N, C-alpha and C. Protein backbone atom coordinates (compact mmCIF):
# COMPACT_ATOMS: atom_id res chain seq x y z
N MET A 1 0.83 -1.21 0.00
CA MET A 1 0.00 0.00 0.00
C MET A 1 0.86 1.26 0.00
N ARG A 2 1.87 1.31 0.86
CA ARG A 2 2.71 2.51 0.95
C ARG A 2 3.51 2.73 -0.33
N LEU A 3 3.90 1.65 -1.02
CA LEU A 3 4.59 1.80 -2.29
C LEU A 3 3.68 2.45 -3.31
N LYS A 4 2.41 2.04 -3.36
CA LYS A 4 1.46 2.64 -4.28
C LYS A 4 1.27 4.12 -3.96
N ILE A 5 1.18 4.45 -2.67
CA ILE A 5 1.04 5.84 -2.27
C ILE A 5 2.25 6.65 -2.71
N LEU A 6 3.45 6.10 -2.52
CA LEU A 6 4.67 6.80 -2.89
C LEU A 6 4.72 7.04 -4.39
N ILE A 7 4.34 6.04 -5.18
CA ILE A 7 4.32 6.19 -6.64
C ILE A 7 3.34 7.29 -7.03
N TYR A 8 2.17 7.30 -6.41
CA TYR A 8 1.16 8.31 -6.72
C TYR A 8 1.67 9.70 -6.36
N ILE A 9 2.24 9.87 -5.16
CA ILE A 9 2.72 11.17 -4.70
C ILE A 9 3.85 11.67 -5.60
N THR A 10 4.77 10.78 -5.97
CA THR A 10 5.87 11.18 -6.83
C THR A 10 5.36 11.67 -8.17
N PHE A 11 4.38 10.99 -8.73
CA PHE A 11 3.84 11.36 -10.04
C PHE A 11 3.08 12.67 -9.97
N ILE A 12 2.13 12.78 -9.06
CA ILE A 12 1.27 13.95 -9.01
C ILE A 12 2.04 15.17 -8.56
N GLY A 13 3.11 14.99 -7.78
CA GLY A 13 3.89 16.10 -7.30
C GLY A 13 4.68 16.81 -8.39
N LEU A 14 4.75 16.22 -9.58
CA LEU A 14 5.46 16.83 -10.69
C LEU A 14 4.60 17.81 -11.48
N PHE A 15 3.31 17.87 -11.17
CA PHE A 15 2.42 18.75 -11.93
C PHE A 15 2.78 20.21 -11.68
N ASP A 16 2.74 21.03 -12.72
CA ASP A 16 2.79 22.48 -12.61
C ASP A 16 1.43 23.00 -13.04
N VAL A 17 0.63 23.40 -12.07
CA VAL A 17 -0.73 23.79 -12.40
C VAL A 17 -1.11 25.07 -11.69
N ALA A 18 -2.03 25.81 -12.29
CA ALA A 18 -2.64 26.96 -11.63
C ALA A 18 -3.92 27.29 -12.36
N PHE A 19 -4.72 28.13 -11.76
CA PHE A 19 -6.03 28.39 -12.32
C PHE A 19 -6.33 29.88 -12.26
N ALA A 20 -6.85 30.43 -13.36
CA ALA A 20 -7.21 31.83 -13.42
C ALA A 20 -8.72 31.96 -13.53
N GLY A 21 -9.18 33.20 -13.54
CA GLY A 21 -10.60 33.45 -13.78
C GLY A 21 -11.53 32.75 -12.82
N PRO A 22 -12.42 31.89 -13.33
CA PRO A 22 -13.43 31.25 -12.48
C PRO A 22 -12.83 30.48 -11.30
N MET A 23 -11.67 29.86 -11.48
CA MET A 23 -11.08 29.09 -10.39
C MET A 23 -10.61 30.01 -9.26
N LEU A 24 -10.08 31.18 -9.61
CA LEU A 24 -9.66 32.13 -8.58
C LEU A 24 -10.86 32.62 -7.77
N ASP A 25 -11.99 32.79 -8.43
CA ASP A 25 -13.21 33.18 -7.72
C ASP A 25 -13.64 32.10 -6.73
N ILE A 26 -13.55 30.85 -7.15
CA ILE A 26 -13.90 29.73 -6.27
C ILE A 26 -12.97 29.69 -5.07
N GLU A 27 -11.67 29.83 -5.31
CA GLU A 27 -10.70 29.82 -4.22
C GLU A 27 -11.00 30.91 -3.20
N LYS A 28 -11.29 32.11 -3.69
CA LYS A 28 -11.57 33.24 -2.80
C LYS A 28 -12.75 32.93 -1.89
N LYS A 29 -13.79 32.33 -2.44
CA LYS A 29 -14.96 31.99 -1.64
C LYS A 29 -14.61 30.98 -0.55
N PHE A 30 -13.85 29.96 -0.90
CA PHE A 30 -13.52 28.92 0.08
C PHE A 30 -12.54 29.41 1.13
N LEU A 31 -11.76 30.45 0.82
CA LEU A 31 -10.80 30.97 1.79
C LEU A 31 -11.46 31.87 2.84
N SER A 32 -12.76 32.06 2.76
CA SER A 32 -13.46 32.80 3.81
C SER A 32 -13.87 31.82 4.91
N GLN A 33 -14.86 31.01 4.65
CA GLN A 33 -15.27 29.94 5.56
C GLN A 33 -16.23 29.02 4.82
N PHE A 34 -16.31 27.77 5.25
CA PHE A 34 -17.24 26.84 4.63
C PHE A 34 -17.30 25.56 5.45
N SER A 35 -18.32 24.78 5.19
CA SER A 35 -18.38 23.39 5.64
C SER A 35 -18.99 22.59 4.50
N LEU A 36 -18.51 21.37 4.30
CA LEU A 36 -19.05 20.55 3.22
C LEU A 36 -18.96 19.08 3.60
N SER A 37 -19.85 18.31 3.00
CA SER A 37 -19.75 16.85 3.06
C SER A 37 -19.36 16.37 1.67
N PHE A 38 -18.73 15.21 1.60
CA PHE A 38 -18.23 14.73 0.32
C PHE A 38 -18.29 13.21 0.24
N THR A 39 -18.34 12.73 -0.99
CA THR A 39 -18.09 11.32 -1.28
C THR A 39 -17.07 11.28 -2.41
N ILE A 40 -16.19 10.28 -2.38
CA ILE A 40 -15.15 10.12 -3.39
C ILE A 40 -15.11 8.67 -3.81
N ASN A 41 -15.05 8.47 -5.11
CA ASN A 41 -14.88 7.13 -5.68
C ASN A 41 -13.77 7.19 -6.70
N SER A 42 -12.85 6.23 -6.63
CA SER A 42 -11.79 6.15 -7.64
C SER A 42 -11.67 4.71 -8.12
N VAL A 43 -11.40 4.57 -9.42
CA VAL A 43 -11.19 3.26 -10.02
C VAL A 43 -9.96 3.34 -10.91
N GLY A 44 -9.29 2.20 -11.03
CA GLY A 44 -8.06 2.17 -11.81
C GLY A 44 -6.90 1.76 -10.93
N ILE A 45 -5.78 2.45 -11.05
CA ILE A 45 -4.58 2.08 -10.31
C ILE A 45 -4.78 2.23 -8.80
N ILE A 46 -5.67 3.13 -8.38
CA ILE A 46 -6.04 3.27 -6.97
C ILE A 46 -7.55 3.16 -6.88
N GLN A 47 -8.04 2.20 -6.11
CA GLN A 47 -9.48 2.03 -5.94
C GLN A 47 -9.88 2.50 -4.55
N SER A 48 -10.94 3.29 -4.50
CA SER A 48 -11.37 3.81 -3.20
C SER A 48 -12.85 4.12 -3.21
N ASN A 49 -13.43 4.10 -2.01
CA ASN A 49 -14.78 4.59 -1.74
C ASN A 49 -14.70 5.32 -0.41
N LEU A 50 -14.81 6.64 -0.45
CA LEU A 50 -14.58 7.46 0.72
C LEU A 50 -15.73 8.43 0.93
N PHE A 51 -15.90 8.86 2.16
CA PHE A 51 -16.88 9.91 2.46
C PHE A 51 -16.42 10.63 3.71
N GLY A 52 -16.97 11.82 3.93
CA GLY A 52 -16.58 12.56 5.12
C GLY A 52 -17.03 14.00 5.09
N GLU A 53 -16.37 14.80 5.94
CA GLU A 53 -16.68 16.22 6.08
C GLU A 53 -15.38 17.02 6.07
N PHE A 54 -15.49 18.24 5.56
CA PHE A 54 -14.34 19.14 5.47
C PHE A 54 -14.84 20.53 5.84
N ARG A 55 -14.18 21.17 6.84
CA ARG A 55 -14.62 22.47 7.32
C ARG A 55 -13.44 23.42 7.46
N TYR A 56 -13.73 24.69 7.22
CA TYR A 56 -12.76 25.76 7.47
C TYR A 56 -13.52 26.88 8.16
N CYS A 57 -13.19 27.12 9.43
CA CYS A 57 -13.93 28.06 10.25
C CYS A 57 -12.98 28.79 11.19
N LYS A 58 -12.99 30.11 11.14
CA LYS A 58 -12.15 30.93 12.02
C LYS A 58 -10.69 30.50 11.92
N GLU A 59 -10.25 30.27 10.68
CA GLU A 59 -8.86 29.93 10.35
C GLU A 59 -8.44 28.55 10.85
N GLU A 60 -9.39 27.73 11.24
CA GLU A 60 -9.08 26.37 11.66
C GLU A 60 -9.69 25.37 10.68
N ILE A 61 -8.97 24.25 10.48
CA ILE A 61 -9.36 23.23 9.51
C ILE A 61 -9.75 21.95 10.23
N ASP A 62 -10.78 21.31 9.74
CA ASP A 62 -11.23 20.03 10.29
C ASP A 62 -11.59 19.13 9.11
N LEU A 63 -10.90 18.00 8.97
CA LEU A 63 -11.17 17.05 7.90
C LEU A 63 -11.37 15.67 8.51
N ASP A 64 -12.51 15.07 8.23
CA ASP A 64 -12.81 13.71 8.68
C ASP A 64 -13.08 12.85 7.46
N VAL A 65 -12.39 11.71 7.37
CA VAL A 65 -12.50 10.82 6.21
C VAL A 65 -12.72 9.40 6.68
N ARG A 66 -13.68 8.71 6.06
CA ARG A 66 -13.94 7.31 6.36
C ARG A 66 -14.14 6.56 5.05
N GLY A 67 -14.01 5.25 5.11
CA GLY A 67 -14.25 4.45 3.92
C GLY A 67 -13.15 3.45 3.65
N GLU A 68 -12.85 3.23 2.37
CA GLU A 68 -11.88 2.21 1.97
C GLU A 68 -10.99 2.76 0.86
N ILE A 69 -9.69 2.46 0.96
CA ILE A 69 -8.73 2.84 -0.06
C ILE A 69 -7.64 1.78 -0.10
N PHE A 70 -7.17 1.43 -1.28
CA PHE A 70 -6.18 0.36 -1.46
C PHE A 70 -6.66 -0.95 -0.82
N GLY A 71 -7.97 -1.17 -0.78
CA GLY A 71 -8.51 -2.39 -0.21
C GLY A 71 -8.49 -2.45 1.30
N GLU A 72 -8.21 -1.32 1.95
CA GLU A 72 -8.14 -1.28 3.41
C GLU A 72 -9.08 -0.21 3.94
N GLU A 73 -9.60 -0.45 5.15
CA GLU A 73 -10.43 0.56 5.79
C GLU A 73 -9.58 1.76 6.18
N ILE A 74 -10.18 2.94 6.08
CA ILE A 74 -9.47 4.16 6.43
C ILE A 74 -10.33 4.98 7.37
N LEU A 75 -9.69 5.56 8.37
CA LEU A 75 -10.34 6.48 9.29
C LEU A 75 -9.34 7.59 9.59
N LEU A 76 -9.55 8.74 8.98
CA LEU A 76 -8.64 9.87 9.13
C LEU A 76 -9.34 11.02 9.81
N GLY A 77 -8.64 11.64 10.74
CA GLY A 77 -9.13 12.86 11.36
C GLY A 77 -8.02 13.87 11.43
N LEU A 78 -8.22 15.02 10.80
CA LEU A 78 -7.23 16.09 10.83
C LEU A 78 -7.89 17.33 11.42
N GLN A 79 -7.26 17.88 12.45
CA GLN A 79 -7.74 19.12 13.05
C GLN A 79 -6.55 20.05 13.27
N THR A 80 -6.85 21.35 13.32
CA THR A 80 -5.79 22.33 13.59
C THR A 80 -6.23 23.26 14.71
N ASN A 81 -5.21 23.86 15.35
CA ASN A 81 -5.44 25.01 16.21
C ASN A 81 -4.37 26.05 15.86
N ASP A 82 -4.18 27.04 16.69
CA ASP A 82 -3.26 28.13 16.35
C ASP A 82 -1.86 27.63 16.01
N GLN A 83 -1.37 26.62 16.71
CA GLN A 83 0.02 26.22 16.58
C GLN A 83 0.21 24.78 16.11
N ASP A 84 -0.81 23.98 16.17
CA ASP A 84 -0.62 22.55 15.93
C ASP A 84 -1.51 22.02 14.82
N LEU A 85 -1.06 20.91 14.24
CA LEU A 85 -1.86 20.08 13.35
C LEU A 85 -1.94 18.71 13.99
N VAL A 86 -3.14 18.18 14.13
CA VAL A 86 -3.33 16.87 14.74
C VAL A 86 -3.92 15.93 13.70
N LEU A 87 -3.20 14.85 13.40
CA LEU A 87 -3.67 13.85 12.45
C LEU A 87 -3.78 12.52 13.19
N ASN A 88 -5.02 12.07 13.38
CA ASN A 88 -5.26 10.82 14.11
C ASN A 88 -4.50 10.78 15.42
N ASN A 89 -4.64 11.85 16.20
CA ASN A 89 -4.07 11.97 17.55
C ASN A 89 -2.56 12.16 17.57
N VAL A 90 -1.93 12.30 16.41
CA VAL A 90 -0.50 12.62 16.34
C VAL A 90 -0.37 14.12 16.10
N LYS A 91 0.30 14.81 17.02
CA LYS A 91 0.39 16.26 16.96
C LYS A 91 1.75 16.69 16.42
N ILE A 92 1.74 17.63 15.46
CA ILE A 92 2.96 18.24 14.94
C ILE A 92 2.74 19.74 14.87
N SER A 93 3.82 20.48 14.68
CA SER A 93 3.68 21.92 14.51
C SER A 93 2.90 22.23 13.23
N ARG A 94 2.05 23.20 13.33
CA ARG A 94 1.21 23.56 12.17
C ARG A 94 2.08 24.12 11.05
N PRO A 95 2.07 23.51 9.86
CA PRO A 95 2.88 24.01 8.74
C PRO A 95 2.45 25.43 8.36
N THR A 96 3.41 26.21 7.91
CA THR A 96 3.18 27.62 7.62
C THR A 96 2.08 27.84 6.58
N TYR A 97 2.07 27.01 5.55
CA TYR A 97 1.14 27.21 4.43
C TYR A 97 0.03 26.16 4.41
N LEU A 98 -0.38 25.73 5.59
CA LEU A 98 -1.37 24.66 5.65
C LEU A 98 -2.71 25.06 5.03
N VAL A 99 -3.19 26.26 5.34
CA VAL A 99 -4.48 26.70 4.80
C VAL A 99 -4.43 26.73 3.28
N GLU A 100 -3.38 27.31 2.73
CA GLU A 100 -3.23 27.34 1.27
C GLU A 100 -3.19 25.93 0.70
N ALA A 101 -2.42 25.05 1.33
CA ALA A 101 -2.28 23.68 0.82
C ALA A 101 -3.61 22.94 0.84
N MET A 102 -4.39 23.11 1.90
CA MET A 102 -5.64 22.37 2.04
C MET A 102 -6.80 23.00 1.28
N ILE A 103 -6.94 24.33 1.36
CA ILE A 103 -8.11 24.98 0.77
C ILE A 103 -7.91 25.23 -0.72
N VAL A 104 -6.80 25.88 -1.07
CA VAL A 104 -6.52 26.12 -2.49
C VAL A 104 -6.26 24.79 -3.20
N GLY A 105 -5.56 23.88 -2.51
CA GLY A 105 -5.33 22.56 -3.09
C GLY A 105 -6.63 21.84 -3.38
N PHE A 106 -7.60 21.95 -2.47
CA PHE A 106 -8.91 21.34 -2.71
C PHE A 106 -9.60 21.96 -3.92
N ALA A 107 -9.60 23.29 -4.00
CA ALA A 107 -10.27 23.95 -5.12
C ALA A 107 -9.69 23.53 -6.45
N ARG A 108 -8.38 23.35 -6.50
CA ARG A 108 -7.72 23.08 -7.78
C ARG A 108 -7.64 21.59 -8.11
N MET A 109 -7.32 20.77 -7.12
CA MET A 109 -7.05 19.36 -7.39
C MET A 109 -8.09 18.42 -6.82
N GLY A 110 -8.97 18.92 -5.95
CA GLY A 110 -9.90 18.05 -5.26
C GLY A 110 -9.32 17.58 -3.94
N LEU A 111 -10.11 16.80 -3.21
CA LEU A 111 -9.69 16.29 -1.91
C LEU A 111 -8.86 15.02 -1.99
N PHE A 112 -9.04 14.24 -3.03
CA PHE A 112 -8.45 12.91 -3.11
C PHE A 112 -6.93 12.95 -2.98
N HIS A 113 -6.30 13.91 -3.64
CA HIS A 113 -4.84 13.98 -3.63
C HIS A 113 -4.28 14.04 -2.21
N ASN A 114 -4.77 14.98 -1.41
CA ASN A 114 -4.23 15.11 -0.06
C ASN A 114 -4.71 14.01 0.87
N ILE A 115 -5.87 13.42 0.60
CA ILE A 115 -6.29 12.27 1.40
C ILE A 115 -5.32 11.10 1.19
N VAL A 116 -4.91 10.87 -0.06
CA VAL A 116 -3.92 9.83 -0.32
C VAL A 116 -2.63 10.12 0.43
N ARG A 117 -2.17 11.36 0.40
CA ARG A 117 -0.96 11.73 1.13
C ARG A 117 -1.12 11.48 2.63
N LEU A 118 -2.22 11.94 3.19
CA LEU A 118 -2.45 11.78 4.62
C LEU A 118 -2.54 10.32 5.01
N SER A 119 -3.15 9.49 4.17
CA SER A 119 -3.27 8.06 4.48
C SER A 119 -1.92 7.38 4.48
N GLY A 120 -0.94 7.97 3.82
CA GLY A 120 0.41 7.42 3.81
C GLY A 120 1.32 8.06 4.85
N GLY A 121 0.76 8.90 5.72
CA GLY A 121 1.54 9.53 6.77
C GLY A 121 2.26 10.79 6.34
N HIS A 122 1.90 11.34 5.18
CA HIS A 122 2.53 12.56 4.69
C HIS A 122 1.67 13.78 5.02
N SER A 123 2.31 14.95 5.06
CA SER A 123 1.58 16.20 5.25
C SER A 123 0.86 16.58 3.96
N PRO A 124 -0.14 17.46 4.04
CA PRO A 124 -0.75 17.97 2.81
C PRO A 124 0.31 18.56 1.88
N ASP A 125 0.10 18.40 0.60
CA ASP A 125 1.10 18.82 -0.38
C ASP A 125 1.39 20.31 -0.30
N ARG A 126 2.68 20.66 -0.22
CA ARG A 126 3.18 22.03 -0.20
C ARG A 126 2.77 22.80 1.05
N ALA A 127 2.43 22.10 2.12
CA ALA A 127 2.02 22.78 3.35
C ALA A 127 3.17 23.52 4.02
N ASP A 128 4.40 23.10 3.75
CA ASP A 128 5.57 23.73 4.36
C ASP A 128 6.18 24.84 3.52
N VAL A 129 5.98 24.78 2.20
CA VAL A 129 6.68 25.73 1.33
C VAL A 129 5.74 26.60 0.50
N GLY A 130 4.47 26.31 0.48
CA GLY A 130 3.53 27.07 -0.34
C GLY A 130 3.46 26.54 -1.76
N ILE A 131 2.39 26.90 -2.45
CA ILE A 131 2.18 26.35 -3.78
C ILE A 131 2.40 27.36 -4.90
N GLU A 132 2.67 28.63 -4.57
CA GLU A 132 2.72 29.64 -5.62
C GLU A 132 3.86 29.40 -6.61
N LYS A 133 5.01 28.91 -6.13
CA LYS A 133 6.12 28.65 -7.04
C LYS A 133 5.96 27.32 -7.77
N TRP A 134 4.94 26.59 -7.42
CA TRP A 134 4.70 25.26 -7.99
C TRP A 134 3.74 25.32 -9.16
N ILE A 135 3.14 26.47 -9.38
CA ILE A 135 2.00 26.52 -10.30
C ILE A 135 2.23 27.46 -11.47
N ASN A 136 1.66 27.10 -12.61
CA ASN A 136 1.56 27.94 -13.79
C ASN A 136 0.09 27.99 -14.20
N ILE A 137 -0.27 28.89 -15.08
CA ILE A 137 -1.67 29.07 -15.45
C ILE A 137 -1.99 28.29 -16.72
N PRO A 138 -2.89 27.31 -16.65
CA PRO A 138 -3.33 26.57 -17.84
C PRO A 138 -4.57 27.23 -18.43
N VAL A 139 -5.09 26.66 -19.46
CA VAL A 139 -6.34 27.13 -20.05
C VAL A 139 -7.50 26.48 -19.31
N VAL A 140 -8.43 27.31 -18.85
CA VAL A 140 -9.66 26.82 -18.22
C VAL A 140 -10.82 27.16 -19.13
N VAL A 141 -11.53 26.17 -19.60
CA VAL A 141 -12.67 26.37 -20.48
C VAL A 141 -13.95 26.28 -19.66
N GLN A 142 -14.81 27.28 -19.79
CA GLN A 142 -16.11 27.23 -19.12
C GLN A 142 -17.19 26.96 -20.14
N SER A 143 -17.94 25.90 -19.92
CA SER A 143 -19.05 25.52 -20.79
C SER A 143 -20.31 25.42 -19.95
N GLY A 144 -21.13 26.46 -19.99
CA GLY A 144 -22.31 26.48 -19.14
C GLY A 144 -21.92 26.48 -17.68
N ASP A 145 -22.39 25.48 -16.95
CA ASP A 145 -22.08 25.38 -15.52
C ASP A 145 -20.92 24.43 -15.26
N GLU A 146 -20.07 24.21 -16.24
CA GLU A 146 -18.96 23.26 -16.10
C GLU A 146 -17.64 23.93 -16.49
N LEU A 147 -16.60 23.70 -15.67
CA LEU A 147 -15.24 24.11 -15.99
C LEU A 147 -14.47 22.88 -16.43
N ILE A 148 -13.69 23.03 -17.49
CA ILE A 148 -12.91 21.91 -18.04
C ILE A 148 -11.47 22.36 -18.19
N PHE A 149 -10.53 21.56 -17.68
CA PHE A 149 -9.13 21.93 -17.83
C PHE A 149 -8.24 20.69 -17.84
N ASP A 150 -7.14 20.80 -18.56
CA ASP A 150 -6.13 19.75 -18.63
C ASP A 150 -4.91 20.16 -17.83
N LEU A 151 -4.26 19.19 -17.21
CA LEU A 151 -2.97 19.40 -16.55
C LEU A 151 -1.91 18.68 -17.37
N PHE A 152 -0.76 19.33 -17.53
CA PHE A 152 0.30 18.77 -18.36
C PHE A 152 1.55 18.50 -17.55
N LEU A 153 2.17 17.36 -17.83
CA LEU A 153 3.46 16.98 -17.27
C LEU A 153 4.45 17.03 -18.42
N ALA A 154 5.37 18.04 -18.38
CA ALA A 154 6.23 18.33 -19.53
C ALA A 154 5.32 18.64 -20.72
N ASP A 155 5.46 17.91 -21.84
CA ASP A 155 4.62 18.17 -23.01
C ASP A 155 3.53 17.12 -23.16
N ARG A 156 3.27 16.36 -22.11
CA ARG A 156 2.30 15.27 -22.16
C ARG A 156 1.12 15.57 -21.24
N LYS A 157 -0.09 15.34 -21.74
CA LYS A 157 -1.26 15.55 -20.89
C LYS A 157 -1.28 14.54 -19.76
N ALA A 158 -1.33 15.04 -18.53
CA ALA A 158 -1.29 14.17 -17.37
C ALA A 158 -2.67 13.91 -16.79
N SER A 159 -3.60 14.85 -16.97
CA SER A 159 -4.95 14.62 -16.45
C SER A 159 -5.93 15.57 -17.11
N ARG A 160 -7.19 15.23 -17.01
CA ARG A 160 -8.28 16.11 -17.44
C ARG A 160 -9.32 16.16 -16.32
N THR A 161 -9.80 17.37 -16.04
CA THR A 161 -10.77 17.58 -14.96
C THR A 161 -12.00 18.30 -15.50
N LYS A 162 -13.16 17.85 -15.05
CA LYS A 162 -14.42 18.55 -15.30
C LYS A 162 -15.03 18.88 -13.94
N LEU A 163 -15.34 20.16 -13.75
CA LEU A 163 -15.87 20.62 -12.48
C LEU A 163 -17.26 21.21 -12.70
N LEU A 164 -18.27 20.56 -12.14
CA LEU A 164 -19.65 21.01 -12.28
C LEU A 164 -19.97 22.00 -11.17
N LEU A 165 -20.55 23.16 -11.54
CA LEU A 165 -20.84 24.22 -10.58
C LEU A 165 -22.34 24.33 -10.34
N ASP A 166 -22.71 24.80 -9.14
CA ASP A 166 -24.11 25.06 -8.85
C ASP A 166 -24.46 26.51 -9.18
N THR A 167 -25.63 26.97 -8.78
CA THR A 167 -26.05 28.34 -9.10
C THR A 167 -25.23 29.39 -8.36
N ARG A 168 -24.47 28.98 -7.35
CA ARG A 168 -23.58 29.91 -6.63
C ARG A 168 -22.19 29.91 -7.23
N ASP A 169 -21.99 29.16 -8.31
CA ASP A 169 -20.67 28.97 -8.92
C ASP A 169 -19.71 28.28 -7.95
N LEU A 170 -20.24 27.34 -7.18
CA LEU A 170 -19.45 26.51 -6.30
C LEU A 170 -19.48 25.07 -6.82
N PRO A 171 -18.41 24.31 -6.61
CA PRO A 171 -18.36 22.95 -7.15
C PRO A 171 -19.30 21.99 -6.43
N VAL A 172 -19.98 21.17 -7.22
CA VAL A 172 -20.82 20.11 -6.66
C VAL A 172 -20.36 18.74 -7.13
N LYS A 173 -19.60 18.69 -8.24
CA LYS A 173 -19.09 17.42 -8.75
C LYS A 173 -17.78 17.66 -9.50
N ARG A 174 -16.81 16.79 -9.21
CA ARG A 174 -15.53 16.83 -9.91
C ARG A 174 -15.26 15.45 -10.49
N THR A 175 -15.01 15.39 -11.78
CA THR A 175 -14.57 14.14 -12.41
C THR A 175 -13.19 14.38 -13.00
N GLN A 176 -12.28 13.49 -12.69
CA GLN A 176 -10.88 13.67 -13.09
C GLN A 176 -10.32 12.35 -13.59
N THR A 177 -9.64 12.42 -14.72
CA THR A 177 -8.90 11.29 -15.24
C THR A 177 -7.42 11.62 -15.15
N ILE A 178 -6.68 10.79 -14.42
CA ILE A 178 -5.23 10.97 -14.27
C ILE A 178 -4.54 9.86 -15.03
N TYR A 179 -3.56 10.22 -15.83
CA TYR A 179 -2.89 9.27 -16.71
C TYR A 179 -1.55 8.85 -16.12
N PHE A 180 -1.37 7.54 -15.93
CA PHE A 180 -0.11 6.96 -15.46
C PHE A 180 0.45 6.09 -16.58
N GLY A 181 1.11 6.69 -17.56
CA GLY A 181 1.58 5.91 -18.69
C GLY A 181 0.39 5.29 -19.42
N ASP A 182 0.34 3.96 -19.47
CA ASP A 182 -0.77 3.27 -20.13
C ASP A 182 -1.96 3.05 -19.21
N GLU A 183 -1.83 3.42 -17.94
CA GLU A 183 -2.91 3.22 -16.98
C GLU A 183 -3.60 4.55 -16.68
N GLU A 184 -4.83 4.45 -16.21
CA GLU A 184 -5.61 5.63 -15.87
C GLU A 184 -6.22 5.49 -14.48
N LEU A 185 -6.40 6.61 -13.85
CA LEU A 185 -7.10 6.68 -12.57
C LEU A 185 -8.29 7.61 -12.74
N GLU A 186 -9.48 7.08 -12.53
CA GLU A 186 -10.70 7.87 -12.65
C GLU A 186 -11.20 8.21 -11.24
N VAL A 187 -11.32 9.51 -10.96
CA VAL A 187 -11.74 9.97 -9.65
C VAL A 187 -12.99 10.82 -9.79
N THR A 188 -14.00 10.51 -8.98
CA THR A 188 -15.22 11.30 -8.93
C THR A 188 -15.44 11.77 -7.50
N GLU A 189 -15.61 13.09 -7.33
CA GLU A 189 -15.87 13.67 -6.02
C GLU A 189 -17.20 14.43 -6.08
N LEU A 190 -18.06 14.19 -5.11
CA LEU A 190 -19.34 14.89 -4.99
C LEU A 190 -19.33 15.72 -3.71
N TYR A 191 -19.86 16.95 -3.79
CA TYR A 191 -19.83 17.86 -2.65
C TYR A 191 -21.22 18.42 -2.36
N LYS A 192 -21.50 18.61 -1.06
CA LYS A 192 -22.63 19.41 -0.61
C LYS A 192 -22.04 20.53 0.24
N VAL A 193 -22.08 21.75 -0.30
CA VAL A 193 -21.33 22.86 0.27
C VAL A 193 -22.26 23.83 0.99
N ASN A 194 -21.83 24.23 2.19
CA ASN A 194 -22.49 25.27 2.96
C ASN A 194 -21.45 26.35 3.24
N MET A 195 -21.70 27.58 2.81
CA MET A 195 -20.68 28.63 2.94
C MET A 195 -20.75 29.34 4.29
N VAL A 196 -21.11 28.64 5.32
CA VAL A 196 -21.04 29.14 6.69
C VAL A 196 -20.40 28.05 7.53
N CYS A 197 -19.92 28.43 8.72
CA CYS A 197 -19.35 27.44 9.62
C CYS A 197 -20.45 26.53 10.14
N ASP A 198 -20.17 25.26 10.18
CA ASP A 198 -21.11 24.26 10.71
C ASP A 198 -20.33 23.37 11.64
N VAL A 199 -20.27 23.73 12.91
CA VAL A 199 -19.44 23.01 13.87
C VAL A 199 -20.29 22.45 15.00
């Protein structure tokens, strides 16, 4: 299981991605406060069925994840306070860029990426160094209530994402195909979003 996680993290960590226009508007909304419930299903090189809650309230983050990944049961709990990050009762110093890594990372890549990292004992991606130097601006196509964008690794397409928006221009469904050479990973995330704190 940990080898699969390492392969996934190594591959996805090579992406240079960023989002302009509609995606920046979504990020701004989520960086205020929110609570949401989610379900995640992935098929292909990584198989999973996950569900849980994700909240950002008064600059504190709370992520609860349950379900199955890599054929094993998973129970993750991540909470923060002013100085600490607690993952399944293990406390570490709160990384400098944790909010950016978790909130902006969610808006751009979805929840699955950091859940895989956390399940392998890793911190959220770029939580220590920030993501601004990691990202470039790709083309984001808006078709009605859907945003469509490709991520590229060097000159090769590494993934395609479709993000369905509600009447508030907030995401309710994300479908993503990630390409691993001749293999593919299909990830679907569904969200029920409340733009107020729900604690």
